[in-house]
Amino acid sequence: MGFHPDVEAFLARGAELGEMLERVQAAAFDDLRVRRAGADEPNLLPEIDGYGALTSLWMEGIVGRYKAREIEHIFMAAVAECYAVLGDRRSDAARSAVPDALRPSLGDLDADLGLG
């Protein structure tokens, strides 16, 4: 014996929304990577994920040319560049993960997901 058709529709909608939220989390957080170099040194390139954690760091020809304090400042400038674009990239990724048919029913996706 099955459920009432309205209950079946509600359960199906809940499953659909759960899958959509999984896609949004993957796109906007788990799979997102941002790489940016600082304005003054293109050979130091940090990468952060959608959560804002450092995942990789590329340095080519940096160590012999700069003192430790200078590398620190170059690194922090490059990380600041990453964070400057992270919010927009996260919002774009989240929006792209939501099917067009579901968008009208979700309201303000950025606010609901804490993206902006």
Protein backbone atom coordinates (compact mmCIF):
# COMPACT_ATOMS: atom_id res chain seq x y z
CA MET A 1 0.00 0.00 0.00
CA GLY A 2 1.43 3.37 -1.05
CA PHE A 3 1.15 6.79 0.43
CA HIS A 4 -1.40 9.38 -0.57
CA PRO A 5 -0.37 11.05 -3.88
CA ASP A 6 0.25 14.37 -2.11
CA VAL A 7 2.61 12.65 0.34
CA GLU A 8 4.38 10.90 -2.54
CA ALA A 9 4.80 14.25 -4.32
CA PHE A 10 6.11 15.86 -1.12
CA LEU A 11 8.64 13.05 -0.59
CA ALA A 12 9.77 13.25 -4.21
CA ARG A 13 10.21 17.01 -3.91
CA GLY A 14 12.22 16.57 -0.71
CA ALA A 15 14.52 14.07 -2.42
CA GLU A 16 14.94 16.42 -5.38
CA LEU A 17 15.83 19.33 -3.09
CA GLY A 18 18.28 17.15 -1.14
CA GLU A 19 20.06 16.19 -4.36
CA MET A 20 20.14 19.83 -5.44
CA LEU A 21 21.69 20.88 -2.12
CA GLU A 22 24.36 18.19 -2.53
CA ARG A 23 25.18 19.59 -5.98
CA VAL A 24 25.34 23.13 -4.58
CA GLN A 25 27.68 22.08 -1.76
CA ALA A 26 29.95 20.25 -4.18
CA ALA A 27 30.03 23.14 -6.67
CA ALA A 28 30.33 26.02 -4.20
CA PHE A 29 32.55 24.45 -1.55
CA ASP A 30 33.98 20.95 -2.11
CA ASP A 31 35.04 21.24 -5.78
CA LEU A 32 35.73 24.99 -5.96
CA ARG A 33 39.33 26.17 -6.24
CA VAL A 34 40.61 29.74 -6.60
CA ARG A 35 44.17 30.59 -7.63
CA ARG A 36 45.48 34.12 -7.73
CA ALA A 37 48.92 35.67 -7.68
CA GLY A 38 49.65 38.92 -5.95
CA ALA A 39 49.91 42.05 -8.07
CA ASP A 40 53.69 42.34 -7.66
CA GLU A 41 54.80 38.71 -8.01
CA PRO A 42 53.20 36.30 -10.48
CA ASN A 43 55.52 33.43 -9.48
CA LEU A 44 53.90 32.89 -6.09
CA LEU A 45 50.46 31.37 -6.57
CA PRO A 46 48.31 30.13 -3.67
CA GLU A 47 45.19 28.04 -4.20
CA ILE A 48 42.25 28.04 -1.79
CA ASP A 49 39.17 25.86 -1.80
CA GLY A 50 35.53 26.87 -1.42
CA TYR A 51 35.86 26.82 2.36
CA GLY A 52 38.75 29.29 2.20
CA ALA A 53 41.44 26.78 3.20
CA LEU A 54 44.83 26.82 1.51
CA THR A 55 45.08 23.71 -0.67
CA SER A 56 48.24 24.35 -2.71
CA LEU A 57 51.05 26.82 -3.12
CA TRP A 58 53.28 27.26 -6.14
CA MET A 59 56.53 29.22 -5.77
CA GLU A 60 58.98 29.49 -8.63
CA GLY A 61 62.23 31.37 -8.16
CA ILE A 62 60.95 33.08 -5.03
CA VAL A 63 63.12 31.77 -2.22
CA GLY A 64 66.46 32.99 -3.54
CA ARG A 65 65.18 36.42 -4.57
CA TYR A 66 63.35 37.54 -1.42
CA LYS A 67 63.85 37.58 2.31
CA ALA A 68 61.44 35.65 4.53
CA ARG A 69 59.45 38.76 5.52
CA GLU A 70 59.09 39.77 1.88
CA ILE A 71 57.82 36.30 0.95
CA GLU A 72 55.33 36.56 3.79
CA HIS A 73 53.99 39.86 2.45
CA ILE A 74 53.85 38.57 -1.14
CA PHE A 75 52.05 35.44 0.03
CA MET A 76 49.51 37.37 2.10
CA ALA A 77 48.81 39.72 -0.81
CA ALA A 78 48.19 36.75 -3.10
CA VAL A 79 45.89 35.08 -0.55
CA ALA A 80 43.99 38.36 -0.21
CA GLU A 81 43.51 38.31 -4.00
CA CYS A 82 42.06 34.78 -3.70
CA TYR A 83 39.64 35.83 -0.98
CA ALA A 84 38.62 38.90 -2.96
CA VAL A 85 37.12 36.71 -5.69
CA LEU A 86 36.07 33.69 -3.62
CA GLY A 87 32.61 34.98 -2.68
CA ASP A 88 31.63 35.77 -6.26
CA ARG A 89 33.03 32.48 -7.55
CA ARG A 90 31.17 30.58 -4.82
CA SER A 91 27.89 32.34 -5.63
CA ASP A 92 28.30 31.69 -9.35
CA ALA A 93 29.09 28.02 -8.74
CA ALA A 94 26.08 27.60 -6.42
CA ARG A 95 23.73 29.25 -8.91
CA SER A 96 25.01 27.09 -11.76
CA ALA A 97 24.35 23.93 -9.72
CA VAL A 98 20.65 24.74 -9.27
CA PRO A 99 18.38 23.60 -12.10
CA ASP A 100 16.45 26.45 -13.75
CA ALA A 101 13.13 24.85 -12.82
CA LEU A 102 13.92 25.08 -9.09
CA ARG A 103 15.22 28.64 -8.97
CA PRO A 104 11.87 30.44 -8.60
CA SER A 105 10.92 28.33 -5.59
CA LEU A 106 14.19 28.91 -3.72
CA GLY A 107 14.09 32.65 -3.15
CA ASP A 108 17.39 34.36 -2.39
CA LEU A 109 19.90 31.54 -2.77
CA ASP A 110 22.91 33.68 -1.81
CA ALA A 111 21.37 34.80 1.48
CA ASP A 112 20.01 31.36 2.33
CA LEU A 113 23.38 29.70 1.79
CA GLY A 114 25.30 32.48 3.52
CA LEU A 115 27.07 33.43 0.29
CA GLY A 116 26.56 37.13 0.30
